Amino acid sequence: MTLPFERLSGLVKAATGIVLDADKKFVVESRLLPIARARGFESVAALIDRLIDTREPALLEDVIDALTTNETFFFP
């Protein structure tokens, strides 16, 4: 059986090319917990299950935004 983190990792890699290593589980949990709570999920695992099952675009966007660093710095 594939664990929720592994399923999420595969989805994120397919959508963005970003590889989530197993040592990032804590980071993923901490970044997705606010989304899970705001959307009424009982856990991050439940959020991941919904995302995998439905591929809901708005939820996927929220998850990817939470997992990525959205800053760009250019040095002269």
PDB file of N, CA and C in Angstrom:
ATOM      1  N   MET A   1       0.844  -1.194   0.000  1.00  0.00           N
ATOM      2  CA  MET A   1       0.000   0.000   0.000  1.00  0.00           C
ATOM      3  C   MET A   1       0.880   1.246   0.000  1.00  0.00           C
ATOM      4  N   THR A   2       0.528   2.204  -0.804  1.00  0.00           N
ATOM      5  CA  THR A   2       1.290   3.447  -0.878  1.00  0.00           C
ATOM      6  C   THR A   2       0.807   4.410   0.195  1.00  0.00           C
ATOM      7  N   LEU A   3       1.733   4.953   0.939  1.00  0.00           N
ATOM      8  CA  LEU A   3       1.410   5.878   2.016  1.00  0.00           C
ATOM      9  C   LEU A   3       1.026   7.240   1.451  1.00  0.00           C
ATOM     10  N   PRO A   4       0.248   8.020   2.215  1.00  0.00           N
ATOM     11  CA  PRO A   4      -0.163   9.345   1.725  1.00  0.00           C
ATOM     12  C   PRO A   4       1.009  10.223   1.287  1.00  0.00           C
ATOM     13  N   PHE A   5       2.111  10.217   2.030  1.00  0.00           N
ATOM     14  CA  PHE A   5       3.251  11.053   1.655  1.00  0.00           C
ATOM     15  C   PHE A   5       3.805  10.637   0.301  1.00  0.00           C
ATOM     16  N   GLU A   6       3.923   9.336   0.078  1.00  0.00           N
ATOM     17  CA  GLU A   6       4.447   8.841  -1.192  1.00  0.00           C
ATOM     18  C   GLU A   6       3.514   9.212  -2.345  1.00  0.00           C
ATOM     19  N   ARG A   7       2.224   9.126  -2.098  1.00  0.00           N
ATOM     20  CA  ARG A   7       1.250   9.493  -3.131  1.00  0.00           C
ATOM     21  C   ARG A   7       1.349  10.983  -3.441  1.00  0.00           C
ATOM     22  N   LEU A   8       1.440  11.797  -2.407  1.00  0.00           N
ATOM     23  CA  LEU A   8       1.572  13.237  -2.597  1.00  0.00           C
ATOM     24  C   LEU A   8       2.870  13.562  -3.322  1.00  0.00           C
ATOM     25  N   SER A   9       3.940  12.911  -2.935  1.00  0.00           N
ATOM     26  CA  SER A   9       5.237  13.138  -3.558  1.00  0.00           C
ATOM     27  C   SER A   9       5.168  12.882  -5.059  1.00  0.00           C
ATOM     28  N   GLY A  10       4.518  11.807  -5.450  1.00  0.00           N
ATOM     29  CA  GLY A  10       4.368  11.498  -6.867  1.00  0.00           C
ATOM     30  C   GLY A  10       3.553  12.539  -7.606  1.00  0.00           C
ATOM     31  N   LEU A  11       2.488  13.012  -6.980  1.00  0.00           N
ATOM     32  CA  LEU A  11       1.641  14.025  -7.602  1.00  0.00           C
ATOM     33  C   LEU A  11       2.385  15.351  -7.755  1.00  0.00           C
ATOM     34  N   VAL A  12       3.095  15.760  -6.715  1.00  0.00           N
ATOM     35  CA  VAL A  12       3.856  17.016  -6.768  1.00  0.00           C
ATOM     36  C   VAL A  12       4.950  16.922  -7.827  1.00  0.00           C
ATOM     37  N   LYS A  13       5.617  15.778  -7.900  1.00  0.00           N
ATOM     38  CA  LYS A  13       6.658  15.611  -8.907  1.00  0.00           C
ATOM     39  C   LYS A  13       6.068  15.697 -10.313  1.00  0.00           C
ATOM     40  N   ALA A  14       4.926  15.052 -10.528  1.00  0.00           N
ATOM     41  CA  ALA A  14       4.281  15.086 -11.847  1.00  0.00           C
ATOM     42  C   ALA A  14       3.829  16.498 -12.212  1.00  0.00           C
ATOM     43  N   ALA A  15       3.354  17.252 -11.233  1.00  0.00           N
ATOM     44  CA  ALA A  15       2.815  18.592 -11.495  1.00  0.00           C
ATOM     45  C   ALA A  15       3.890  19.667 -11.598  1.00  0.00           C
ATOM     46  N   THR A  16       4.993  19.504 -10.858  1.00  0.00           N
ATOM     47  CA  THR A  16       5.970  20.589 -10.768  1.00  0.00           C
ATOM     48  C   THR A  16       7.411  20.188 -11.062  1.00  0.00           C
ATOM     49  N   GLY A  17       7.695  18.904 -11.012  1.00  0.00           N
ATOM     50  CA  GLY A  17       9.072  18.450 -11.159  1.00  0.00           C
ATOM     51  C   GLY A  17       9.848  18.463  -9.855  1.00  0.00           C
ATOM     52  N   ILE A  18       9.214  18.891  -8.777  1.00  0.00           N
ATOM     53  CA  ILE A  18       9.866  18.957  -7.466  1.00  0.00           C
ATOM     54  C   ILE A  18       9.810  17.585  -6.801  1.00  0.00           C
ATOM     55  N   VAL A  19      10.954  17.145  -6.290  1.00  0.00           N
ATOM     56  CA  VAL A  19      11.039  15.858  -5.607  1.00  0.00           C
ATOM     57  C   VAL A  19      10.978  16.102  -4.103  1.00  0.00           C
ATOM     58  N   LEU A  20       9.992  15.503  -3.452  1.00  0.00           N
ATOM     59  CA  LEU A  20       9.863  15.595  -1.994  1.00  0.00           C
ATOM     60  C   LEU A  20      10.475  14.342  -1.385  1.00  0.00           C
ATOM     61  N   ASP A  21      11.635  14.485  -0.790  1.00  0.00           N
ATOM     62  CA  ASP A  21      12.288  13.354  -0.142  1.00  0.00           C
ATOM     63  C   ASP A  21      11.587  13.008   1.165  1.00  0.00           C
ATOM     64  N   ALA A  22      11.770  11.775   1.608  1.00  0.00           N
ATOM     65  CA  ALA A  22      11.138  11.306   2.835  1.00  0.00           C
ATOM     66  C   ALA A  22      11.532  12.149   4.046  1.00  0.00           C
ATOM     67  N   ASP A  23      12.717  12.755   4.018  1.00  0.00           N
ATOM     68  CA  ASP A  23      13.139  13.584   5.155  1.00  0.00           C
ATOM     69  C   ASP A  23      12.386  14.909   5.212  1.00  0.00           C
ATOM     70  N   LYS A  24      11.523  15.165   4.253  1.00  0.00           N
ATOM     71  CA  LYS A  24      10.718  16.396   4.230  1.00  0.00           C
ATOM     72  C   LYS A  24       9.301  16.187   4.772  1.00  0.00           C
ATOM     73  N   LYS A  25       9.027  15.006   5.323  1.00  0.00           N
ATOM     74  CA  LYS A  25       7.676  14.716   5.818  1.00  0.00           C
ATOM     75  C   LYS A  25       7.210  15.748   6.846  1.00  0.00           C
ATOM     76  N   PHE A  26       8.082  16.132   7.755  1.00  0.00           N
ATOM     77  CA  PHE A  26       7.692  17.103   8.772  1.00  0.00           C
ATOM     78  C   PHE A  26       7.356  18.449   8.143  1.00  0.00           C
ATOM     79  N   VAL A  27       8.159  18.870   7.180  1.00  0.00           N
ATOM     80  CA  VAL A  27       7.922  20.148   6.498  1.00  0.00           C
ATOM     81  C   VAL A  27       6.585  20.101   5.769  1.00  0.00           C
ATOM     82  N   VAL A  28       6.330  19.011   5.065  1.00  0.00           N
ATOM     83  CA  VAL A  28       5.073  18.855   4.331  1.00  0.00           C
ATOM     84  C   VAL A  28       3.896  18.904   5.297  1.00  0.00           C
ATOM     85  N   GLU A  29       3.983  18.165   6.380  1.00  0.00           N
ATOM     86  CA  GLU A  29       2.905  18.141   7.377  1.00  0.00           C
ATOM     87  C   GLU A  29       2.658  19.543   7.930  1.00  0.00           C
ATOM     88  N   SER A  30       3.709  20.254   8.289  1.00  0.00           N
ATOM     89  CA  SER A  30       3.531  21.577   8.894  1.00  0.00           C
ATOM     90  C   SER A  30       2.990  22.600   7.904  1.00  0.00           C
ATOM     91  N   ARG A  31       3.350  22.471   6.643  1.00  0.00           N
ATOM     92  CA  ARG A  31       2.854  23.421   5.643  1.00  0.00           C
ATOM     93  C   ARG A  31       1.430  23.117   5.181  1.00  0.00           C
ATOM     94  N   LEU A  32       1.057  21.841   5.217  1.00  0.00           N
ATOM     95  CA  LEU A  32      -0.286  21.473   4.751  1.00  0.00           C
ATOM     96  C   LEU A  32      -1.340  21.473   5.853  1.00  0.00           C
ATOM     97  N   LEU A  33      -0.919  21.428   7.101  1.00  0.00           N
ATOM     98  CA  LEU A  33      -1.884  21.410   8.199  1.00  0.00           C
ATOM     99  C   LEU A  33      -2.819  22.620   8.186  1.00  0.00           C
ATOM    100  N   PRO A  34      -2.333  23.845   7.967  1.00  0.00           N
ATOM    101  CA  PRO A  34      -3.261  24.983   7.910  1.00  0.00           C
ATOM    102  C   PRO A  34      -4.293  24.860   6.777  1.00  0.00           C
ATOM    103  N   ILE A  35      -3.889  24.310   5.647  1.00  0.00           N
ATOM    104  CA  ILE A  35      -4.827  24.111   4.541  1.00  0.00           C
ATOM    105  C   ILE A  35      -5.864  23.068   4.921  1.00  0.00           C
ATOM    106  N   ALA A  36      -5.402  21.984   5.520  1.00  0.00           N
ATOM    107  CA  ALA A  36      -6.324  20.923   5.938  1.00  0.00           C
ATOM    108  C   ALA A  36      -7.352  21.471   6.923  1.00  0.00           C
ATOM    109  N   ARG A  37      -6.902  22.226   7.894  1.00  0.00           N
ATOM    110  CA  ARG A  37      -7.832  22.797   8.891  1.00  0.00           C
ATOM    111  C   ARG A  37      -8.806  23.774   8.240  1.00  0.00           C
ATOM    112  N   ALA A  38      -8.296  24.651   7.378  1.00  0.00           N
ATOM    113  CA  ALA A  38      -9.150  25.664   6.746  1.00  0.00           C
ATOM    114  C   ALA A  38     -10.215  25.035   5.862  1.00  0.00           C
ATOM    115  N   ARG A  39      -9.904  23.901   5.273  1.00  0.00           N
ATOM    116  CA  ARG A  39     -10.845  23.242   4.369  1.00  0.00           C
ATOM    117  C   ARG A  39     -11.685  22.169   5.069  1.00  0.00           C
ATOM    118  N   GLY A  40     -11.498  22.016   6.377  1.00  0.00           N
ATOM    119  CA  GLY A  40     -12.340  21.115   7.149  1.00  0.00           C
ATOM    120  C   GLY A  40     -11.944  19.646   7.128  1.00  0.00           C
ATOM    121  N   PHE A  41     -10.720  19.346   6.748  1.00  0.00           N
ATOM    122  CA  PHE A  41     -10.254  17.967   6.778  1.00  0.00           C
ATOM    123  C   PHE A  41      -9.832  17.604   8.192  1.00  0.00           C
ATOM    124  N   GLU A  42     -10.000  16.349   8.547  1.00  0.00           N
ATOM    125  CA  GLU A  42      -9.627  15.925   9.895  1.00  0.00           C
ATOM    126  C   GLU A  42      -8.127  15.718  10.048  1.00  0.00           C
ATOM    127  N   SER A  43      -7.406  15.627   8.929  1.00  0.00           N
ATOM    128  CA  SER A  43      -5.960  15.433   8.982  1.00  0.00           C
ATOM    129  C   SER A  43      -5.343  15.807   7.640  1.00  0.00           C
ATOM    130  N   VAL A  44      -4.023  15.901   7.639  1.00  0.00           N
ATOM    131  CA  VAL A  44      -3.308  16.138   6.390  1.00  0.00           C
ATOM    132  C   VAL A  44      -3.463  14.918   5.481  1.00  0.00           C
ATOM    133  N   ALA A  45      -3.469  13.732   6.054  1.00  0.00           N
ATOM    134  CA  ALA A  45      -3.658  12.518   5.254  1.00  0.00           C
ATOM    135  C   ALA A  45      -4.997  12.545   4.526  1.00  0.00           C
ATOM    136  N   ALA A  46      -6.041  13.036   5.186  1.00  0.00           N
ATOM    137  CA  ALA A  46      -7.359  13.136   4.546  1.00  0.00           C
ATOM    138  C   ALA A  46      -7.324  14.142   3.403  1.00  0.00           C
ATOM    139  N   LEU A  47      -6.607  15.243   3.590  1.00  0.00           N
ATOM    140  CA  LEU A  47      -6.445  16.224   2.522  1.00  0.00           C
ATOM    141  C   LEU A  47      -5.734  15.594   1.334  1.00  0.00           C
ATOM    142  N   ILE A  48      -4.660  14.865   1.599  1.00  0.00           N
ATOM    143  CA  ILE A  48      -3.907  14.213   0.524  1.00  0.00           C
ATOM    144  C   ILE A  48      -4.782  13.191  -0.203  1.00  0.00           C
ATOM    145  N   ASP A  49      -5.544  12.409   0.549  1.00  0.00           N
ATOM    146  CA  ASP A  49      -6.439  11.431  -0.070  1.00  0.00           C
ATOM    147  C   ASP A  49      -7.421  12.115  -1.013  1.00  0.00           C
ATOM    148  N   ARG A  50      -8.008  13.221  -0.578  1.00  0.00           N
ATOM    149  CA  ARG A  50      -8.955  13.956  -1.425  1.00  0.00           C
ATOM    150  C   ARG A  50      -8.264  14.466  -2.670  1.00  0.00           C
ATOM    151  N   LEU A  51      -7.073  15.023  -2.496  1.00  0.00           N
ATOM    152  CA  LEU A  51      -6.330  15.560  -3.622  1.00  0.00           C
ATOM    153  C   LEU A  51      -6.014  14.470  -4.642  1.00  0.00           C
ATOM    154  N   ILE A  52      -5.569  13.332  -4.174  1.00  0.00           N
ATOM    155  CA  ILE A  52      -5.228  12.223  -5.068  1.00  0.00           C
ATOM    156  C   ILE A  52      -6.481  11.705  -5.769  1.00  0.00           C
ATOM    157  N   ASP A  53      -7.566  11.585  -5.027  1.00  0.00           N
ATOM    158  CA  ASP A  53      -8.799  11.033  -5.588  1.00  0.00           C
ATOM    159  C   ASP A  53      -9.477  11.956  -6.589  1.00  0.00           C
ATOM    160  N   THR A  54      -9.423  13.270  -6.349  1.00  0.00           N
ATOM    161  CA  THR A  54     -10.196  14.198  -7.173  1.00  0.00           C
ATOM    162  C   THR A  54      -9.355  15.048  -8.112  1.00  0.00           C
ATOM    163  N   ARG A  55      -8.082  15.235  -7.761  1.00  0.00           N
ATOM    164  CA  ARG A  55      -7.208  16.135  -8.520  1.00  0.00           C
ATOM    165  C   ARG A  55      -7.839  17.525  -8.661  1.00  0.00           C
ATOM    166  N   GLU A  56      -8.555  17.927  -7.620  1.00  0.00           N
ATOM    167  CA  GLU A  56      -9.246  19.225  -7.605  1.00  0.00           C
ATOM    168  C   GLU A  56      -8.227  20.338  -7.859  1.00  0.00           C
ATOM    169  N   PRO A  57      -8.380  21.096  -8.953  1.00  0.00           N
ATOM    170  CA  PRO A  57      -7.375  22.104  -9.320  1.00  0.00           C
ATOM    171  C   PRO A  57      -7.094  23.141  -8.236  1.00  0.00           C
ATOM    172  N   ALA A  58      -8.116  23.651  -7.578  1.00  0.00           N
ATOM    173  CA  ALA A  58      -7.905  24.678  -6.549  1.00  0.00           C
ATOM    174  C   ALA A  58      -7.144  24.103  -5.360  1.00  0.00           C
ATOM    175  N   LEU A  59      -7.455  22.890  -4.979  1.00  0.00           N
ATOM    176  CA  LEU A  59      -6.763  22.244  -3.863  1.00  0.00           C
ATOM    177  C   LEU A  59      -5.317  21.953  -4.252  1.00  0.00           C
ATOM    178  N   LEU A  60      -5.097  21.460  -5.452  1.00  0.00           N
ATOM    179  CA  LEU A  60      -3.730  21.200  -5.920  1.00  0.00           C
ATOM    180  C   LEU A  60      -2.920  22.489  -5.928  1.00  0.00           C
ATOM    181  N   GLU A  61      -3.506  23.566  -6.384  1.00  0.00           N
ATOM    182  CA  GLU A  61      -2.806  24.850  -6.401  1.00  0.00           C
ATOM    183  C   GLU A  61      -2.436  25.288  -4.988  1.00  0.00           C
ATOM    184  N   ASP A  62      -3.357  25.149  -4.046  1.00  0.00           N
ATOM    185  CA  ASP A  62      -3.073  25.521  -2.654  1.00  0.00           C
ATOM    186  C   ASP A  62      -1.937  24.677  -2.081  1.00  0.00           C
ATOM    187  N   VAL A  63      -1.966  23.395  -2.359  1.00  0.00           N
ATOM    188  CA  VAL A  63      -0.938  22.488  -1.845  1.00  0.00           C
ATOM    189  C   VAL A  63       0.420  22.833  -2.450  1.00  0.00           C
ATOM    190  N   ILE A  64       0.468  23.025  -3.748  1.00  0.00           N
ATOM    191  CA  ILE A  64       1.736  23.363  -4.396  1.00  0.00           C
ATOM    192  C   ILE A  64       2.257  24.711  -3.898  1.00  0.00           C
ATOM    193  N   ASP A  65       1.381  25.684  -3.754  1.00  0.00           N
ATOM    194  CA  ASP A  65       1.801  26.984  -3.213  1.00  0.00           C
ATOM    195  C   ASP A  65       2.388  26.832  -1.812  1.00  0.00           C
ATOM    196  N   ALA A  66       1.780  25.984  -1.004  1.00  0.00           N
ATOM    197  CA  ALA A  66       2.261  25.782   0.365  1.00  0.00           C
ATOM    198  C   ALA A  66       3.609  25.064   0.392  1.00  0.00           C
ATOM    199  N   LEU A  67       3.853  24.211  -0.579  1.00  0.00           N
ATOM    200  CA  LEU A  67       5.069  23.399  -0.567  1.00  0.00           C
ATOM    201  C   LEU A  67       6.249  24.028  -1.291  1.00  0.00           C
ATOM    202  N   THR A  68       6.002  25.075  -2.041  1.00  0.00           N
ATOM    203  CA  THR A  68       7.085  25.674  -2.810  1.00  0.00           C
ATOM    204  C   THR A  68       7.478  27.023  -2.231  1.00  0.00           C
ATOM    205  N   THR A  69       8.708  27.398  -2.509  1.00  0.00           N
ATOM    206  CA  THR A  69       9.199  28.706  -2.123  1.00  0.00           C
ATOM    207  C   THR A  69       8.939  29.627  -3.301  1.00  0.00           C
ATOM    208  N   ASN A  70       8.143  30.638  -3.074  1.00  0.00           N
ATOM    209  CA  ASN A  70       7.704  31.496  -4.156  1.00  0.00           C
ATOM    210  C   ASN A  70       8.429  32.838  -4.172  1.00  0.00           C
ATOM    211  N   GLU A  71       9.715  32.789  -3.947  1.00  0.00           N
ATOM    212  CA  GLU A  71      10.521  34.003  -3.994  1.00  0.00           C
ATOM    213  C   GLU A  71      11.656  33.798  -4.984  1.00  0.00           C
ATOM    214  N   THR A  72      11.970  34.834  -5.680  1.00  0.00           N
ATOM    215  CA  THR A  72      13.092  34.810  -6.599  1.00  0.00           C
ATOM    216  C   THR A  72      13.993  35.993  -6.281  1.00  0.00           C
ATOM    217  N   PHE A  73      15.244  35.711  -6.122  1.00  0.00           N
ATOM    218  CA  PHE A  73      16.220  36.768  -5.856  1.00  0.00           C
ATOM    219  C   PHE A  73      17.234  36.781  -6.994  1.00  0.00           C
ATOM    220  N   PHE A  74      17.525  37.963  -7.457  1.00  0.00           N
ATOM    221  CA  PHE A  74      18.521  38.114  -8.485  1.00  0.00           C
ATOM    222  C   PHE A  74      19.657  38.951  -7.896  1.00  0.00           C
ATOM    223  N   PHE A  75      20.852  38.463  -8.068  1.00  0.00           N
ATOM    224  CA  PHE A  75      22.025  39.154  -7.551  1.00  0.00           C
ATOM    225  C   PHE A  75      22.802  39.730  -8.706  1.00  0.00           C
ATOM    226  N   PRO A  76      23.153  41.020  -8.613  1.00  0.00           N
ATOM    227  CA  PRO A  76      23.929  41.638  -9.710  1.00  0.00           C
ATOM    228  C   PRO A  76      25.368  41.167  -9.709  1.00  0.00           C
TER     229      PRO A  76
END
